[in-house]
Each structure stands twice: as C-alpha cells, then as structure tokens.
Full PDB file with SEQRES, HELIX, SHEET, SSBOND, CRYST1, ORIGX, SCALE, CONECT and MASTER records, all heavy atoms in Angstrom:
SEQRES   1 A   40  VAL LEU CYS GLY LYS GLY ASN ASN GLY GLY ASP GLY PHE          
SEQRES   2 A   40  VAL ALA ALA ARG TYR LEU LYS GLU ALA GLY MET GLN ALA          
SEQRES   3 A   40  THR CYS PHE LEU ILE GLY ALA GLU PRO ALA ASN LEU THR          
SEQRES   4 A   40  GLY                                                          
HELIX    1 AA1 ASN A    7  GLU A   21  1                                  15    
HELIX    2 AA2 PRO A   35  ASN A   37  5                                   3    
SHEET    1 AA1 2 LEU A   2  CYS A   3  0                                        
SHEET    2 AA1 2 PHE A  29  LEU A  30  1                                        
CRYST1    1.000    1.000    1.000  90.00  90.00  90.00 P 1           1          
ORIGX1      1.000000  0.000000  0.000000        0.00000                         
ORIGX2      0.000000  1.000000  0.000000        0.00000                         
ORIGX3      0.000000  0.000000  1.000000        0.00000                         
SCALE1      1.000000  0.000000  0.000000        0.00000                         
SCALE2      0.000000  1.000000  0.000000        0.00000                         
SCALE3      0.000000  0.000000  1.000000        0.00000                         
ATOM      1  N   VAL A   1      -0.996  -6.974   0.913  1.00  0.00           N  
ATOM      2  CA  VAL A   1      -1.808  -5.793   1.195  1.00  0.00           C  
ATOM      3  C   VAL A   1      -2.407  -5.318  -0.115  1.00  0.00           C  
ATOM      4  O   VAL A   1      -1.687  -4.913  -1.033  1.00  0.00           O  
ATOM      5  CB  VAL A   1      -0.972  -4.676   1.847  1.00  0.00           C  
ATOM      6  CG1 VAL A   1      -1.867  -3.507   2.227  1.00  0.00           C  
ATOM      7  CG2 VAL A   1      -0.236  -5.206   3.079  1.00  0.00           C  
ATOM      8  N   LEU A   2      -3.726  -5.386  -0.212  1.00  0.00           N  
ATOM      9  CA  LEU A   2      -4.443  -4.996  -1.424  1.00  0.00           C  
ATOM     10  C   LEU A   2      -4.828  -3.531  -1.300  1.00  0.00           C  
ATOM     11  O   LEU A   2      -5.660  -3.166  -0.465  1.00  0.00           O  
ATOM     12  CB  LEU A   2      -5.686  -5.868  -1.595  1.00  0.00           C  
ATOM     13  CG  LEU A   2      -5.404  -7.373  -1.649  1.00  0.00           C  
ATOM     14  CD1 LEU A   2      -6.683  -8.163  -1.436  1.00  0.00           C  
ATOM     15  CD2 LEU A   2      -4.741  -7.739  -2.957  1.00  0.00           C  
ATOM     16  N   CYS A   3      -4.233  -2.681  -2.116  1.00  0.00           N  
ATOM     17  CA  CYS A   3      -4.394  -1.234  -1.988  1.00  0.00           C  
ATOM     18  C   CYS A   3      -5.198  -0.660  -3.152  1.00  0.00           C  
ATOM     19  O   CYS A   3      -4.945  -0.993  -4.312  1.00  0.00           O  
ATOM     20  CB  CYS A   3      -3.033  -0.550  -1.955  1.00  0.00           C  
ATOM     21  SG  CYS A   3      -1.953  -1.058  -0.606  1.00  0.00           S  
ATOM     22  N   GLY A   4      -6.149   0.213  -2.828  1.00  0.00           N  
ATOM     23  CA  GLY A   4      -6.786   1.041  -3.835  1.00  0.00           C  
ATOM     24  C   GLY A   4      -6.000   2.335  -3.978  1.00  0.00           C  
ATOM     25  O   GLY A   4      -4.977   2.539  -3.336  1.00  0.00           O  
ATOM     26  N   LYS A   5      -6.508   3.253  -4.797  1.00  0.00           N  
ATOM     27  CA  LYS A   5      -5.761   4.477  -5.077  1.00  0.00           C  
ATOM     28  C   LYS A   5      -6.038   5.607  -4.086  1.00  0.00           C  
ATOM     29  O   LYS A   5      -5.375   6.635  -4.133  1.00  0.00           O  
ATOM     30  CB  LYS A   5      -6.048   4.962  -6.489  1.00  0.00           C  
ATOM     31  CG  LYS A   5      -7.481   5.447  -6.707  1.00  0.00           C  
ATOM     32  CD  LYS A   5      -7.653   5.962  -8.132  1.00  0.00           C  
ATOM     33  CE  LYS A   5      -9.066   6.487  -8.357  1.00  0.00           C  
ATOM     34  NZ  LYS A   5      -9.230   7.021  -9.745  1.00  0.00           N  
ATOM     35  N   GLY A   6      -7.018   5.413  -3.173  1.00  0.00           N  
ATOM     36  CA  GLY A   6      -7.383   6.472  -2.241  1.00  0.00           C  
ATOM     37  C   GLY A   6      -6.662   6.368  -0.911  1.00  0.00           C  
ATOM     38  O   GLY A   6      -5.660   5.657  -0.770  1.00  0.00           O  
ATOM     39  N   ASN A   7      -7.203   7.073   0.091  1.00  0.00           N  
ATOM     40  CA  ASN A   7      -6.564   7.094   1.406  1.00  0.00           C  
ATOM     41  C   ASN A   7      -6.587   5.734   2.092  1.00  0.00           C  
ATOM     42  O   ASN A   7      -5.683   5.416   2.875  1.00  0.00           O  
ATOM     43  CB  ASN A   7      -7.235   8.135   2.295  1.00  0.00           C  
ATOM     44  CG  ASN A   7      -6.823   9.552   1.943  1.00  0.00           C  
ATOM     45  OD1 ASN A   7      -5.859   9.754   1.196  1.00  0.00           O  
ATOM     46  ND2 ASN A   7      -7.549  10.530   2.437  1.00  0.00           N  
ATOM     47  N   ASN A   8      -7.600   4.920   1.808  1.00  0.00           N  
ATOM     48  CA  ASN A   8      -7.621   3.575   2.376  1.00  0.00           C  
ATOM     49  C   ASN A   8      -6.424   2.776   1.882  1.00  0.00           C  
ATOM     50  O   ASN A   8      -5.766   2.070   2.650  1.00  0.00           O  
ATOM     51  CB  ASN A   8      -8.937   2.888   2.001  1.00  0.00           C  
ATOM     52  CG  ASN A   8      -9.251   1.684   2.870  1.00  0.00           C  
ATOM     53  OD1 ASN A   8      -9.248   0.558   2.403  1.00  0.00           O  
ATOM     54  ND2 ASN A   8      -9.545   1.922   4.140  1.00  0.00           N  
ATOM     55  N   GLY A   9      -6.112   2.928   0.601  1.00  0.00           N  
ATOM     56  CA  GLY A   9      -4.921   2.297   0.062  1.00  0.00           C  
ATOM     57  C   GLY A   9      -3.654   2.860   0.676  1.00  0.00           C  
ATOM     58  O   GLY A   9      -2.685   2.137   0.912  1.00  0.00           O  
ATOM     59  N   GLY A  10      -3.658   4.182   0.952  1.00  0.00           N  
ATOM     60  CA  GLY A  10      -2.515   4.789   1.628  1.00  0.00           C  
ATOM     61  C   GLY A  10      -2.269   4.175   2.983  1.00  0.00           C  
ATOM     62  O   GLY A  10      -1.119   3.907   3.368  1.00  0.00           O  
ATOM     63  N   ASP A  11      -3.362   3.928   3.727  1.00  0.00           N  
ATOM     64  CA  ASP A  11      -3.230   3.236   5.016  1.00  0.00           C  
ATOM     65  C   ASP A  11      -2.555   1.882   4.827  1.00  0.00           C  
ATOM     66  O   ASP A  11      -1.739   1.446   5.644  1.00  0.00           O  
ATOM     67  CB  ASP A  11      -4.605   3.019   5.660  1.00  0.00           C  
ATOM     68  CG  ASP A  11      -5.304   4.305   6.062  1.00  0.00           C  
ATOM     69  OD1 ASP A  11      -4.639   5.357   6.135  1.00  0.00           O  
ATOM     70  OD2 ASP A  11      -6.533   4.252   6.304  1.00  0.00           O  
ATOM     71  N   GLY A  12      -2.904   1.202   3.724  1.00  0.00           N  
ATOM     72  CA  GLY A  12      -2.317  -0.102   3.442  1.00  0.00           C  
ATOM     73  C   GLY A  12      -0.828  -0.033   3.179  1.00  0.00           C  
ATOM     74  O   GLY A  12      -0.060  -0.878   3.665  1.00  0.00           O  
ATOM     75  N   PHE A  13      -0.391   0.973   2.415  1.00  0.00           N  
ATOM     76  CA  PHE A  13       1.039   1.117   2.159  1.00  0.00           C  
ATOM     77  C   PHE A  13       1.805   1.380   3.453  1.00  0.00           C  
ATOM     78  O   PHE A  13       2.906   0.853   3.657  1.00  0.00           O  
ATOM     79  CB  PHE A  13       1.286   2.258   1.168  1.00  0.00           C  
ATOM     80  CG  PHE A  13       0.961   1.909  -0.257  1.00  0.00           C  
ATOM     81  CD1 PHE A  13      -0.033   2.591  -0.946  1.00  0.00           C  
ATOM     82  CD2 PHE A  13       1.666   0.912  -0.915  1.00  0.00           C  
ATOM     83  CE1 PHE A  13      -0.334   2.275  -2.260  1.00  0.00           C  
ATOM     84  CE2 PHE A  13       1.371   0.588  -2.229  1.00  0.00           C  
ATOM     85  CZ  PHE A  13       0.360   1.273  -2.907  1.00  0.00           C  
ATOM     86  N   VAL A  14       1.222   2.202   4.336  1.00  0.00           N  
ATOM     87  CA  VAL A  14       1.869   2.460   5.626  1.00  0.00           C  
ATOM     88  C   VAL A  14       1.950   1.176   6.444  1.00  0.00           C  
ATOM     89  O   VAL A  14       2.994   0.853   7.025  1.00  0.00           O  
ATOM     90  CB  VAL A  14       1.120   3.549   6.412  1.00  0.00           C  
ATOM     91  CG1 VAL A  14       1.721   3.709   7.813  1.00  0.00           C  
ATOM     92  CG2 VAL A  14       1.163   4.881   5.676  1.00  0.00           C  
ATOM     93  N   ALA A  15       0.847   0.425   6.490  1.00  0.00           N  
ATOM     94  CA  ALA A  15       0.835  -0.826   7.245  1.00  0.00           C  
ATOM     95  C   ALA A  15       1.903  -1.783   6.726  1.00  0.00           C  
ATOM     96  O   ALA A  15       2.615  -2.424   7.509  1.00  0.00           O  
ATOM     97  CB  ALA A  15      -0.548  -1.474   7.161  1.00  0.00           C  
ATOM     98  N   ALA A  16       2.017  -1.881   5.403  1.00  0.00           N  
ATOM     99  CA  ALA A  16       3.020  -2.769   4.810  1.00  0.00           C  
ATOM    100  C   ALA A  16       4.427  -2.367   5.239  1.00  0.00           C  
ATOM    101  O   ALA A  16       5.279  -3.227   5.524  1.00  0.00           O  
ATOM    102  CB  ALA A  16       2.895  -2.741   3.296  1.00  0.00           C  
ATOM    103  N   ARG A  17       4.682  -1.067   5.278  1.00  0.00           N  
ATOM    104  CA  ARG A  17       6.019  -0.595   5.679  1.00  0.00           C  
ATOM    105  C   ARG A  17       6.327  -0.987   7.124  1.00  0.00           C  
ATOM    106  O   ARG A  17       7.426  -1.472   7.432  1.00  0.00           O  
ATOM    107  CB  ARG A  17       6.101   0.924   5.508  1.00  0.00           C  
ATOM    108  CG  ARG A  17       7.402   1.548   5.968  1.00  0.00           C  
ATOM    109  CD  ARG A  17       7.578   2.944   5.398  1.00  0.00           C  
ATOM    110  NE  ARG A  17       6.430   3.792   5.623  1.00  0.00           N  
ATOM    111  CZ  ARG A  17       6.212   4.486   6.755  1.00  0.00           C  
ATOM    112  NH1 ARG A  17       7.076   4.396   7.758  1.00  0.00           N  
ATOM    113  NH2 ARG A  17       5.152   5.254   6.872  1.00  0.00           N  
ATOM    114  N   TYR A  18       5.350  -0.821   8.018  1.00  0.00           N  
ATOM    115  CA  TYR A  18       5.567  -1.211   9.415  1.00  0.00           C  
ATOM    116  C   TYR A  18       5.744  -2.728   9.536  1.00  0.00           C  
ATOM    117  O   TYR A  18       6.560  -3.213  10.335  1.00  0.00           O  
ATOM    118  CB  TYR A  18       4.405  -0.751  10.288  1.00  0.00           C  
ATOM    119  CG  TYR A  18       4.524   0.689  10.740  1.00  0.00           C  
ATOM    120  CD1 TYR A  18       3.710   1.680  10.210  1.00  0.00           C  
ATOM    121  CD2 TYR A  18       5.455   1.062  11.713  1.00  0.00           C  
ATOM    122  CE1 TYR A  18       3.819   3.001  10.622  1.00  0.00           C  
ATOM    123  CE2 TYR A  18       5.579   2.372  12.129  1.00  0.00           C  
ATOM    124  CZ  TYR A  18       4.756   3.343  11.581  1.00  0.00           C  
ATOM    125  OH  TYR A  18       4.878   4.649  11.990  1.00  0.00           O  
ATOM    126  N   LEU A  19       4.992  -3.480   8.760  1.00  0.00           N  
ATOM    127  CA  LEU A  19       5.118  -4.940   8.807  1.00  0.00           C  
ATOM    128  C   LEU A  19       6.482  -5.389   8.292  1.00  0.00           C  
ATOM    129  O   LEU A  19       7.097  -6.294   8.859  1.00  0.00           O  
ATOM    130  CB  LEU A  19       4.007  -5.581   7.982  1.00  0.00           C  
ATOM    131  CG  LEU A  19       2.595  -5.469   8.567  1.00  0.00           C  
ATOM    132  CD1 LEU A  19       1.551  -5.883   7.538  1.00  0.00           C  
ATOM    133  CD2 LEU A  19       2.458  -6.320   9.836  1.00  0.00           C  
ATOM    134  N   LYS A  20       6.959  -4.766   7.233  1.00  0.00           N  
ATOM    135  CA  LYS A  20       8.281  -5.095   6.691  1.00  0.00           C  
ATOM    136  C   LYS A  20       9.358  -4.795   7.730  1.00  0.00           C  
ATOM    137  O   LYS A  20      10.295  -5.589   7.918  1.00  0.00           O  
ATOM    138  CB  LYS A  20       8.525  -4.307   5.408  1.00  0.00           C  
ATOM    139  CG  LYS A  20       9.787  -4.678   4.654  1.00  0.00           C  
ATOM    140  CD  LYS A  20       9.842  -3.946   3.318  1.00  0.00           C  
ATOM    141  CE  LYS A  20      11.023  -4.420   2.473  1.00  0.00           C  
ATOM    142  NZ  LYS A  20      12.323  -4.046   3.058  1.00  0.00           N  
ATOM    143  N   GLU A  21       9.228  -3.662   8.417  1.00  0.00           N  
ATOM    144  CA  GLU A  21      10.194  -3.313   9.459  1.00  0.00           C  
ATOM    145  C   GLU A  21      10.190  -4.335  10.593  1.00  0.00           C  
ATOM    146  O   GLU A  21      11.210  -4.552  11.248  1.00  0.00           O  
ATOM    147  CB  GLU A  21       9.880  -1.921  10.008  1.00  0.00           C  
ATOM    148  CG  GLU A  21      10.150  -0.792   9.022  1.00  0.00           C  
ATOM    149  CD  GLU A  21       9.689   0.556   9.535  1.00  0.00           C  
ATOM    150  OE1 GLU A  21       9.114   0.602  10.655  1.00  0.00           O  
ATOM    151  OE2 GLU A  21       9.888   1.566   8.835  1.00  0.00           O  
ATOM    152  N   ALA A  22       9.035  -4.973  10.818  1.00  0.00           N  
ATOM    153  CA  ALA A  22       8.910  -5.968  11.884  1.00  0.00           C  
ATOM    154  C   ALA A  22       9.348  -7.360  11.440  1.00  0.00           C  
ATOM    155  O   ALA A  22       9.264  -8.313  12.222  1.00  0.00           O  
ATOM    156  CB  ALA A  22       7.466  -6.014  12.392  1.00  0.00           C  
ATOM    157  N   GLY A  23       9.781  -7.493  10.184  1.00  0.00           N  
ATOM    158  CA  GLY A  23      10.283  -8.780   9.716  1.00  0.00           C  
ATOM    159  C   GLY A  23       9.299  -9.612   8.933  1.00  0.00           C  
ATOM    160  O   GLY A  23       9.608 -10.758   8.562  1.00  0.00           O  
ATOM    161  N   MET A  24       8.112  -9.067   8.632  1.00  0.00           N  
ATOM    162  CA  MET A  24       7.131  -9.803   7.847  1.00  0.00           C  
ATOM    163  C   MET A  24       7.469  -9.693   6.362  1.00  0.00           C  
ATOM    164  O   MET A  24       8.110  -8.738   5.917  1.00  0.00           O  
ATOM    165  CB  MET A  24       5.725  -9.244   8.090  1.00  0.00           C  
ATOM    166  CG  MET A  24       5.309  -9.231   9.558  1.00  0.00           C  
ATOM    167  SD  MET A  24       4.996 -10.880  10.205  1.00  0.00           S  
ATOM    168  CE  MET A  24       3.408 -11.227   9.483  1.00  0.00           C  
ATOM    169  N   GLN A  25       7.007 -10.668   5.587  1.00  0.00           N  
ATOM    170  CA  GLN A  25       7.180 -10.659   4.135  1.00  0.00           C  
ATOM    171  C   GLN A  25       5.957  -9.982   3.515  1.00  0.00           C  
ATOM    172  O   GLN A  25       4.991 -10.636   3.124  1.00  0.00           O  
ATOM    173  CB  GLN A  25       7.348 -12.083   3.612  1.00  0.00           C  
ATOM    174  CG  GLN A  25       8.521 -12.832   4.213  1.00  0.00           C  
ATOM    175  CD  GLN A  25       9.849 -12.164   3.905  1.00  0.00           C  
ATOM    176  OE1 GLN A  25      10.115 -11.780   2.766  1.00  0.00           O  
ATOM    177  NE2 GLN A  25      10.693 -12.014   4.917  1.00  0.00           N  
ATOM    178  N   ALA A  26       5.999  -8.654   3.451  1.00  0.00           N  
ATOM    179  CA  ALA A  26       4.844  -7.888   2.988  1.00  0.00           C  
ATOM    180  C   ALA A  26       5.014  -7.471   1.538  1.00  0.00           C  
ATOM    181  O   ALA A  26       6.086  -7.019   1.123  1.00  0.00           O  
ATOM    182  CB  ALA A  26       4.644  -6.652   3.862  1.00  0.00           C  
ATOM    183  N   THR A  27       3.935  -7.621   0.767  1.00  0.00           N  
ATOM    184  CA  THR A  27       3.894  -7.175  -0.623  1.00  0.00           C  
ATOM    185  C   THR A  27       2.603  -6.409  -0.835  1.00  0.00           C  
ATOM    186  O   THR A  27       1.543  -6.821  -0.350  1.00  0.00           O  
ATOM    187  CB  THR A  27       3.929  -8.365  -1.603  1.00  0.00           C  
ATOM    188  OG1 THR A  27       5.097  -9.148  -1.354  1.00  0.00           O  
ATOM    189  CG2 THR A  27       3.939  -7.882  -3.039  1.00  0.00           C  
ATOM    190  N   CYS A  28       2.668  -5.282  -1.546  1.00  0.00           N  
ATOM    191  CA  CYS A  28       1.480  -4.505  -1.863  1.00  0.00           C  
ATOM    192  C   CYS A  28       1.029  -4.784  -3.294  1.00  0.00           C  
ATOM    193  O   CYS A  28       1.863  -4.847  -4.203  1.00  0.00           O  
ATOM    194  CB  CYS A  28       1.746  -3.005  -1.688  1.00  0.00           C  
ATOM    195  SG  CYS A  28       1.973  -2.484   0.021  1.00  0.00           S  
ATOM    196  N   PHE A  29      -0.264  -4.960  -3.475  1.00  0.00           N  
ATOM    197  CA  PHE A  29      -0.861  -5.057  -4.801  1.00  0.00           C  
ATOM    198  C   PHE A  29      -1.703  -3.800  -4.998  1.00  0.00           C  
ATOM    199  O   PHE A  29      -2.671  -3.580  -4.272  1.00  0.00           O  
ATOM    200  CB  PHE A  29      -1.774  -6.280  -4.917  1.00  0.00           C  
ATOM    201  CG  PHE A  29      -1.058  -7.606  -4.951  1.00  0.00           C  
ATOM    202  CD1 PHE A  29       0.304  -7.713  -4.744  1.00  0.00           C  
ATOM    203  CD2 PHE A  29      -1.779  -8.766  -5.192  1.00  0.00           C  
ATOM    204  CE1 PHE A  29       0.947  -8.941  -4.770  1.00  0.00           C  
ATOM    205  CE2 PHE A  29      -1.150 -10.009  -5.227  1.00  0.00           C  
ATOM    206  CZ  PHE A  29       0.223 -10.090  -5.020  1.00  0.00           C  
ATOM    207  N   LEU A  30      -1.341  -2.962  -5.950  1.00  0.00           N  
ATOM    208  CA  LEU A  30      -2.122  -1.763  -6.263  1.00  0.00           C  
ATOM    209  C   LEU A  30      -3.160  -2.144  -7.307  1.00  0.00           C  
ATOM    210  O   LEU A  30      -2.820  -2.478  -8.440  1.00  0.00           O  
ATOM    211  CB  LEU A  30      -1.201  -0.652  -6.772  1.00  0.00           C  
ATOM    212  CG  LEU A  30      -1.870   0.672  -7.164  1.00  0.00           C  
ATOM    213  CD1 LEU A  30      -2.651   1.264  -6.001  1.00  0.00           C  
ATOM    214  CD2 LEU A  30      -0.821   1.664  -7.665  1.00  0.00           C  
ATOM    215  N   ILE A  31      -4.430  -2.102  -6.907  1.00  0.00           N  
ATOM    216  CA  ILE A  31      -5.518  -2.622  -7.735  1.00  0.00           C  
ATOM    217  C   ILE A  31      -6.224  -1.487  -8.468  1.00  0.00           C  
ATOM    218  O   ILE A  31      -6.684  -0.520  -7.863  1.00  0.00           O  
ATOM    219  CB  ILE A  31      -6.543  -3.385  -6.877  1.00  0.00           C  
ATOM    220  CG1 ILE A  31      -5.859  -4.456  -6.010  1.00  0.00           C  
ATOM    221  CG2 ILE A  31      -7.626  -4.007  -7.751  1.00  0.00           C  
ATOM    222  CD1 ILE A  31      -5.191  -5.557  -6.778  1.00  0.00           C  
ATOM    223  N   GLY A  32      -6.311  -1.631  -9.793  1.00  0.00           N  
ATOM    224  CA  GLY A  32      -7.106  -0.710 -10.588  1.00  0.00           C  
ATOM    225  C   GLY A  32      -6.508   0.664 -10.782  1.00  0.00           C  
ATOM    226  O   GLY A  32      -7.237   1.604 -11.136  1.00  0.00           O  
ATOM    227  N   ALA A  33      -5.224   0.816 -10.587  1.00  0.00           N  
ATOM    228  CA  ALA A  33      -4.589   2.129 -10.717  1.00  0.00           C  
ATOM    229  C   ALA A  33      -3.092   1.958 -10.935  1.00  0.00           C  
ATOM    230  O   ALA A  33      -2.519   0.909 -10.648  1.00  0.00           O  
ATOM    231  CB  ALA A  33      -4.848   2.988  -9.479  1.00  0.00           C  
ATOM    232  N   GLU A  34      -2.475   3.003 -11.435  1.00  0.00           N  
ATOM    233  CA  GLU A  34      -1.027   3.101 -11.538  1.00  0.00           C  
ATOM    234  C   GLU A  34      -0.511   3.958 -10.394  1.00  0.00           C  
ATOM    235  O   GLU A  34      -1.244   4.801  -9.861  1.00  0.00           O  
ATOM    236  CB  GLU A  34      -0.637   3.754 -12.869  1.00  0.00           C  
ATOM    237  CG  GLU A  34      -0.916   2.922 -14.098  1.00  0.00           C  
ATOM    238  CD  GLU A  34       0.184   1.900 -14.365  1.00  0.00           C  
ATOM    239  OE1 GLU A  34       1.173   1.868 -13.594  1.00  0.00           O  
ATOM    240  OE2 GLU A  34       0.046   1.153 -15.344  1.00  0.00           O  
ATOM    241  N   PRO A  35       0.744   3.794  -9.992  1.00  0.00           N  
ATOM    242  CA  PRO A  35       1.296   4.670  -8.957  1.00  0.00           C  
ATOM    243  C   PRO A  35       1.133   6.157  -9.282  1.00  0.00           C  
ATOM    244  O   PRO A  35       0.926   6.977  -8.384  1.00  0.00           O  
ATOM    245  CB  PRO A  35       2.772   4.258  -8.905  1.00  0.00           C  
ATOM    246  CG  PRO A  35       2.757   2.820  -9.307  1.00  0.00           C  
ATOM    247  CD  PRO A  35       1.694   2.722 -10.356  1.00  0.00           C  
ATOM    248  N   ALA A  36       1.173   6.494 -10.563  1.00  0.00           N  
ATOM    249  CA  ALA A  36       1.018   7.900 -10.960  1.00  0.00           C  
ATOM    250  C   ALA A  36      -0.376   8.430 -10.666  1.00  0.00           C  
ATOM    251  O   ALA A  36      -0.578   9.658 -10.610  1.00  0.00           O  
ATOM    252  CB  ALA A  36       1.321   8.052 -12.445  1.00  0.00           C  
ATOM    253  N   ASN A  37      -1.349   7.537 -10.465  1.00  0.00           N  
ATOM    254  CA  ASN A  37      -2.708   7.967 -10.138  1.00  0.00           C  
ATOM    255  C   ASN A  37      -2.879   8.344  -8.679  1.00  0.00           C  
ATOM    256  O   ASN A  37      -3.902   8.935  -8.300  1.00  0.00           O  
ATOM    257  CB  ASN A  37      -3.719   6.851 -10.469  1.00  0.00           C  
ATOM    258  CG  ASN A  37      -3.707   6.435 -11.925  1.00  0.00           C  
ATOM    259  OD1 ASN A  37      -3.728   5.251 -12.233  1.00  0.00           O  
ATOM    260  ND2 ASN A  37      -3.673   7.403 -12.833  1.00  0.00           N  
ATOM    261  N   LEU A  38      -1.903   7.997  -7.838  1.00  0.00           N  
ATOM    262  CA  LEU A  38      -2.011   8.282  -6.415  1.00  0.00           C  
ATOM    263  C   LEU A  38      -1.759   9.762  -6.161  1.00  0.00           C  
ATOM    264  O   LEU A  38      -0.896  10.386  -6.793  1.00  0.00           O  
ATOM    265  CB  LEU A  38      -1.002   7.444  -5.629  1.00  0.00           C  
ATOM    266  CG  LEU A  38      -1.104   5.929  -5.796  1.00  0.00           C  
ATOM    267  CD1 LEU A  38       0.012   5.234  -5.020  1.00  0.00           C  
ATOM    268  CD2 LEU A  38      -2.459   5.418  -5.338  1.00  0.00           C  
ATOM    269  N   THR A  39      -2.496  10.318  -5.220  1.00  0.00           N  
ATOM    270  CA  THR A  39      -2.348  11.730  -4.886  1.00  0.00           C  
ATOM    271  C   THR A  39      -2.306  11.914  -3.372  1.00  0.00           C  
ATOM    272  O   THR A  39      -2.641  11.006  -2.612  1.00  0.00           O  
ATOM    273  CB  THR A  39      -3.516  12.562  -5.449  1.00  0.00           C  
ATOM    274  OG1 THR A  39      -4.753  12.086  -4.894  1.00  0.00           O  
ATOM    275  CG2 THR A  39      -3.578  12.474  -6.968  1.00  0.00           C  
ATOM    276  N   GLY A  40      -1.892  13.109  -2.945  1.00  0.00           N  
ATOM    277  CA  GLY A  40      -1.944  13.469  -1.537  1.00  0.00           C  
ATOM    278  C   GLY A  40      -1.187  12.525  -0.634  1.00  0.00           C  
ATOM    279  O   GLY A  40      -0.080  12.071  -0.948  1.00  0.00           O  
TER     280      GLY A  40                                                      
MASTER        0    0    0    2    2    0    0    6  279    1    0    4          
END                                                                             
C-alpha cells in the first residue's frame, strides 16, 4: 500500500489494517513524508 501524507494515504493505512486482519501480507510504504508529518 503506497501512502501519501494526506487523507488518501490515511485511507491506505486503514485498508492495510483490514487486509492484515483478513490474513493478507500487507505492508505500507509512506512516500515523501515521515510519520511525524501526518496530521488529523
């Protein structure tokens, strides 16, 4: 899951969590930002 720092990336993190719960091997790549840059 390729995530940006905005809400679209937030959707990606949520999707990854649901996929992991379903047994998928999900990994998030945060592109062009640090976790500290995420807001809201």
